[in-house]
Amino acid sequence: MADSLFETARREIVELHNFFVSWFVDDGQPEPDFSRFETAMAADMTMIPPSGAVLDRVAVVHHVRAARGTVDRDFRIEIDDVRAHIEDERGILVSYVEAQWRNGQQTRRRSSVFLTRNATAPLGLEWRYLHETWLQPPNNSAD
C-alpha cells in the first residue's frame, strides 16, 4: 500500500534534513549526492529564513552548496510536530518543528512548507515555498 501524501511529505522533510546533516558535517565519508537536494527544490522555489530575507532557488542552492563541511561533528537535526494543514491534488502544506544542535547550543524553529507533486523529485514532491520562524534562536545570530 502506498504512503499517504502526508506520510510522503513527512518522509521528505526528514530525509532532506538528514541530507543536510551529512552535507554540513565533513566526517571523512564520500561527499553526499548533492542532486538529492537540488532535485527536491522547485525551479520557482522561495525560502524565507528566520531573518525575514526572501531567497530564490539560486540563492538557497548556492548557500547549501557553499556550506559543505562547515559544521562540527556534533551537529544534528531532529524533526518533530509534523502537521498537515492543506492538501489537494497539487500538493500539501505542512508545518514542522526543526531542532538543531551545534557547538553545544540548541536552536528550534517552526517551518511551513508547501510541497507540490513532481515525479522527478526524489520522493515525488518538490519544495516550492518554505517559511521559517524562531522558537528558540541562537544566542549570537539572526539566522
C-alpha atoms as a PDB file:
ATOM      1  CA  MET A   1       0.000   0.000   0.000  1.00  0.00           C
ATOM      2  CA  ALA A   2       1.344   3.428  -0.954  1.00  0.00           C
ATOM      3  CA  ASP A   3       2.005   6.103   1.656  1.00  0.00           C
ATOM      4  CA  SER A   4      -0.499   8.916   2.003  1.00  0.00           C
ATOM      5  CA  LEU A   5       0.546  12.320   0.692  1.00  0.00           C
ATOM      6  CA  PHE A   6       1.090  13.435   4.290  1.00  0.00           C
ATOM      7  CA  GLU A   7       3.338  10.457   5.096  1.00  0.00           C
ATOM      8  CA  THR A   8       5.351  11.048   1.920  1.00  0.00           C
ATOM      9  CA  ALA A   9       5.705  14.734   2.851  1.00  0.00           C
ATOM     10  CA  ARG A  10       6.801  13.835   6.382  1.00  0.00           C
ATOM     11  CA  ARG A  11       9.362  11.392   4.978  1.00  0.00           C
ATOM     12  CA  GLU A  12      10.634  14.024   2.501  1.00  0.00           C
ATOM     13  CA  ILE A  13      11.140  16.567   5.295  1.00  0.00           C
ATOM     14  CA  VAL A  14      13.040  14.079   7.470  1.00  0.00           C
ATOM     15  CA  GLU A  15      15.151  12.722   4.598  1.00  0.00           C
ATOM     16  CA  LEU A  16      16.105  16.180   3.340  1.00  0.00           C
ATOM     17  CA  HIS A  17      17.206  17.233   6.826  1.00  0.00           C
ATOM     18  CA  ASN A  18      19.233  14.016   7.123  1.00  0.00           C
ATOM     19  CA  PHE A  19      20.915  15.071   3.883  1.00  0.00           C
ATOM     20  CA  PHE A  20      21.701  18.480   5.443  1.00  0.00           C
ATOM     21  CA  VAL A  21      23.454  16.821   8.378  1.00  0.00           C
ATOM     22  CA  SER A  22      25.556  14.636   6.092  1.00  0.00           C
ATOM     23  CA  TRP A  23      26.301  17.626   3.816  1.00  0.00           C
ATOM     24  CA  PHE A  24      27.173  20.162   6.506  1.00  0.00           C
ATOM     25  CA  VAL A  25      29.367  17.740   8.514  1.00  0.00           C
ATOM     26  CA  ASP A  26      32.538  16.564   6.786  1.00  0.00           C
ATOM     27  CA  ASP A  27      33.005  13.229   8.526  1.00  0.00           C
ATOM     28  CA  GLY A  28      35.536  11.864   6.064  1.00  0.00           C
ATOM     29  CA  GLN A  29      32.912   9.827   4.200  1.00  0.00           C
ATOM     30  CA  PRO A  30      32.398  10.288   0.467  1.00  0.00           C
ATOM     31  CA  GLU A  31      30.571  13.506  -0.342  1.00  0.00           C
ATOM     32  CA  PRO A  32      26.788  13.016  -0.330  1.00  0.00           C
ATOM     33  CA  ASP A  33      24.999  13.288  -3.671  1.00  0.00           C
ATOM     34  CA  PHE A  34      24.077  16.978  -3.924  1.00  0.00           C
ATOM     35  CA  SER A  35      21.464  16.209  -6.557  1.00  0.00           C
ATOM     36  CA  ARG A  36      19.284  14.833  -3.728  1.00  0.00           C
ATOM     37  CA  PHE A  37      18.895  18.428  -2.578  1.00  0.00           C
ATOM     38  CA  GLU A  38      18.845  20.158  -5.956  1.00  0.00           C
ATOM     39  CA  THR A  39      16.152  17.957  -7.469  1.00  0.00           C
ATOM     40  CA  ALA A  40      13.924  18.491  -4.434  1.00  0.00           C
ATOM     41  CA  MET A  41      13.928  22.289  -4.925  1.00  0.00           C
ATOM     42  CA  ALA A  42      11.351  23.595  -7.415  1.00  0.00           C
ATOM     43  CA  ALA A  43      12.541  25.959 -10.146  1.00  0.00           C
ATOM     44  CA  ASP A  44      10.423  28.735  -8.623  1.00  0.00           C
ATOM     45  CA  MET A  45      11.228  27.845  -5.014  1.00  0.00           C
ATOM     46  CA  THR A  46      11.140  30.635  -2.400  1.00  0.00           C
ATOM     47  CA  MET A  47      12.528  30.489   1.139  1.00  0.00           C
ATOM     48  CA  ILE A  48      12.061  32.937   3.970  1.00  0.00           C
ATOM     49  CA  PRO A  49      14.539  32.145   6.773  1.00  0.00           C
ATOM     50  CA  PRO A  50      14.023  33.484  10.323  1.00  0.00           C
ATOM     51  CA  SER A  51      15.831  36.707   9.365  1.00  0.00           C
ATOM     52  CA  GLY A  52      12.946  37.614   7.045  1.00  0.00           C
ATOM     53  CA  ALA A  53      15.046  37.690   3.866  1.00  0.00           C
ATOM     54  CA  VAL A  54      13.381  36.400   0.702  1.00  0.00           C
ATOM     55  CA  LEU A  55      15.595  33.878  -1.099  1.00  0.00           C
ATOM     56  CA  ASP A  56      15.047  32.334  -4.514  1.00  0.00           C
ATOM     57  CA  ARG A  57      16.160  28.860  -5.545  1.00  0.00           C
ATOM     58  CA  VAL A  58      19.536  30.071  -6.846  1.00  0.00           C
ATOM     59  CA  ALA A  59      20.385  31.698  -3.503  1.00  0.00           C
ATOM     60  CA  VAL A  60      19.222  28.682  -1.480  1.00  0.00           C
ATOM     61  CA  VAL A  61      21.137  26.179  -3.613  1.00  0.00           C
ATOM     62  CA  HIS A  62      24.272  28.362  -3.532  1.00  0.00           C
ATOM     63  CA  HIS A  63      24.063  28.741   0.268  1.00  0.00           C
ATOM     64  CA  VAL A  64      23.694  24.997   0.866  1.00  0.00           C
ATOM     65  CA  ARG A  65      26.416  24.070  -1.648  1.00  0.00           C
ATOM     66  CA  ALA A  66      28.847  26.531  -0.029  1.00  0.00           C
ATOM     67  CA  ALA A  67      28.153  25.122   3.443  1.00  0.00           C
ATOM     68  CA  ARG A  68      29.688  21.690   2.722  1.00  0.00           C
ATOM     69  CA  GLY A  69      31.690  20.518   5.729  1.00  0.00           C
ATOM     70  CA  THR A  70      31.307  23.776   7.679  1.00  0.00           C
ATOM     71  CA  VAL A  71      29.913  22.424  10.955  1.00  0.00           C
ATOM     72  CA  ASP A  72      31.395  20.253  13.688  1.00  0.00           C
ATOM     73  CA  ARG A  73      30.591  16.578  14.037  1.00  0.00           C
ATOM     74  CA  ASP A  74      28.273  17.221  16.995  1.00  0.00           C
ATOM     75  CA  PHE A  75      25.737  18.821  14.599  1.00  0.00           C
ATOM     76  CA  ARG A  76      22.380  17.122  14.399  1.00  0.00           C
ATOM     77  CA  ILE A  77      18.808  17.899  13.409  1.00  0.00           C
ATOM     78  CA  GLU A  78      15.557  16.438  14.682  1.00  0.00           C
ATOM     79  CA  ILE A  79      12.153  16.981  13.088  1.00  0.00           C
ATOM     80  CA  ASP A  80       9.062  16.955  15.294  1.00  0.00           C
ATOM     81  CA  ASP A  81       5.431  18.056  15.415  1.00  0.00           C
ATOM     82  CA  VAL A  82       4.782  17.498  11.702  1.00  0.00           C
ATOM     83  CA  ARG A  83       1.264  18.643  10.802  1.00  0.00           C
ATOM     84  CA  ALA A  84      -0.720  18.759   7.568  1.00  0.00           C
ATOM     85  CA  HIS A  85      -2.719  21.939   7.021  1.00  0.00           C
ATOM     86  CA  ILE A  86      -3.971  21.953   3.424  1.00  0.00           C
ATOM     87  CA  GLU A  87      -3.889  19.121   0.921  1.00  0.00           C
ATOM     88  CA  ASP A  88      -5.214  18.992  -2.630  1.00  0.00           C
ATOM     89  CA  GLU A  89      -4.346  17.441  -5.986  1.00  0.00           C
ATOM     90  CA  ARG A  90      -1.352  19.833  -6.449  1.00  0.00           C
ATOM     91  CA  GLY A  91       0.356  19.156  -3.148  1.00  0.00           C
ATOM     92  CA  ILE A  92       0.356  19.734   0.572  1.00  0.00           C
ATOM     93  CA  LEU A  93       1.091  22.492   3.093  1.00  0.00           C
ATOM     94  CA  VAL A  94       2.884  21.087   6.134  1.00  0.00           C
ATOM     95  CA  SER A  95       4.404  22.621   9.258  1.00  0.00           C
ATOM     96  CA  TYR A  96       7.063  21.118  11.492  1.00  0.00           C
ATOM     97  CA  VAL A  97       9.496  21.967  14.255  1.00  0.00           C
ATOM     98  CA  GLU A  98      13.202  21.666  13.463  1.00  0.00           C
ATOM     99  CA  ALA A  99      15.612  21.370  16.382  1.00  0.00           C
ATOM    100  CA  GLN A 100      19.330  21.767  15.708  1.00  0.00           C
ATOM    101  CA  TRP A 101      22.287  21.069  17.975  1.00  0.00           C
ATOM    102  CA  ARG A 102      25.509  22.816  17.031  1.00  0.00           C
ATOM    103  CA  ASN A 103      28.582  23.601  19.145  1.00  0.00           C
ATOM    104  CA  GLY A 104      26.715  22.639  22.323  1.00  0.00           C
ATOM    105  CA  GLN A 105      23.844  25.007  21.567  1.00  0.00           C
ATOM    106  CA  GLN A 106      20.276  24.095  20.641  1.00  0.00           C
ATOM    107  CA  THR A 107      18.031  26.142  18.364  1.00  0.00           C
ATOM    108  CA  ARG A 108      14.455  25.478  17.341  1.00  0.00           C
ATOM    109  CA  ARG A 109      12.380  26.858  14.504  1.00  0.00           C
ATOM    110  CA  ARG A 110       8.877  26.253  13.243  1.00  0.00           C
ATOM    111  CA  SER A 111       8.708  25.880   9.494  1.00  0.00           C
ATOM    112  CA  SER A 112       5.867  25.775   6.995  1.00  0.00           C
ATOM    113  CA  VAL A 113       6.498  24.204   3.619  1.00  0.00           C
ATOM    114  CA  PHE A 114       4.365  23.905   0.519  1.00  0.00           C
ATOM    115  CA  LEU A 115       5.336  20.719  -1.321  1.00  0.00           C
ATOM    116  CA  THR A 116       3.961  20.078  -4.798  1.00  0.00           C
ATOM    117  CA  ARG A 117       3.835  16.898  -6.798  1.00  0.00           C
ATOM    118  CA  ASN A 118       6.672  16.362  -9.257  1.00  0.00           C
ATOM    119  CA  ALA A 119       7.563  12.869 -10.436  1.00  0.00           C
ATOM    120  CA  THR A 120      11.223  13.868 -10.953  1.00  0.00           C
ATOM    121  CA  ALA A 121      11.707  14.919  -7.303  1.00  0.00           C
ATOM    122  CA  PRO A 122      13.313  12.313  -5.017  1.00  0.00           C
ATOM    123  CA  LEU A 123      10.057  11.262  -3.309  1.00  0.00           C
ATOM    124  CA  GLY A 124       7.708  12.773  -5.879  1.00  0.00           C
ATOM    125  CA  LEU A 125       7.353  16.082  -4.002  1.00  0.00           C
ATOM    126  CA  GLU A 126       9.284  19.293  -4.560  1.00  0.00           C
ATOM    127  CA  TRP A 127       9.802  22.218  -2.185  1.00  0.00           C
ATOM    128  CA  ARG A 128       8.015  25.300  -3.548  1.00  0.00           C
ATOM    129  CA  TYR A 129       7.754  27.595  -0.545  1.00  0.00           C
ATOM    130  CA  LEU A 130       9.469  27.420   2.852  1.00  0.00           C
ATOM    131  CA  HIS A 131       8.981  29.882   5.703  1.00  0.00           C
ATOM    132  CA  GLU A 132      10.884  29.543   8.992  1.00  0.00           C
ATOM    133  CA  THR A 133      10.477  31.398  12.283  1.00  0.00           C
ATOM    134  CA  TRP A 134      12.456  31.114  15.506  1.00  0.00           C
ATOM    135  CA  LEU A 135      11.057  29.313  18.515  1.00  0.00           C
ATOM    136  CA  GLN A 136      14.476  29.284  20.191  1.00  0.00           C
ATOM    137  CA  PRO A 137      17.058  31.428  18.351  1.00  0.00           C
ATOM    138  CA  PRO A 138      20.815  31.110  18.708  1.00  0.00           C
ATOM    139  CA  ASN A 139      22.453  33.475  21.155  1.00  0.00           C
ATOM    140  CA  ASN A 140      24.514  35.255  18.512  1.00  0.00           C
ATOM    141  CA  SER A 141      22.660  35.309  15.182  1.00  0.00           C
ATOM    142  CA  ALA A 142      19.515  36.382  13.369  1.00  0.00           C
ATOM    143  CA  ASP A 143      19.598  33.326  11.070  1.00  0.00           C
END
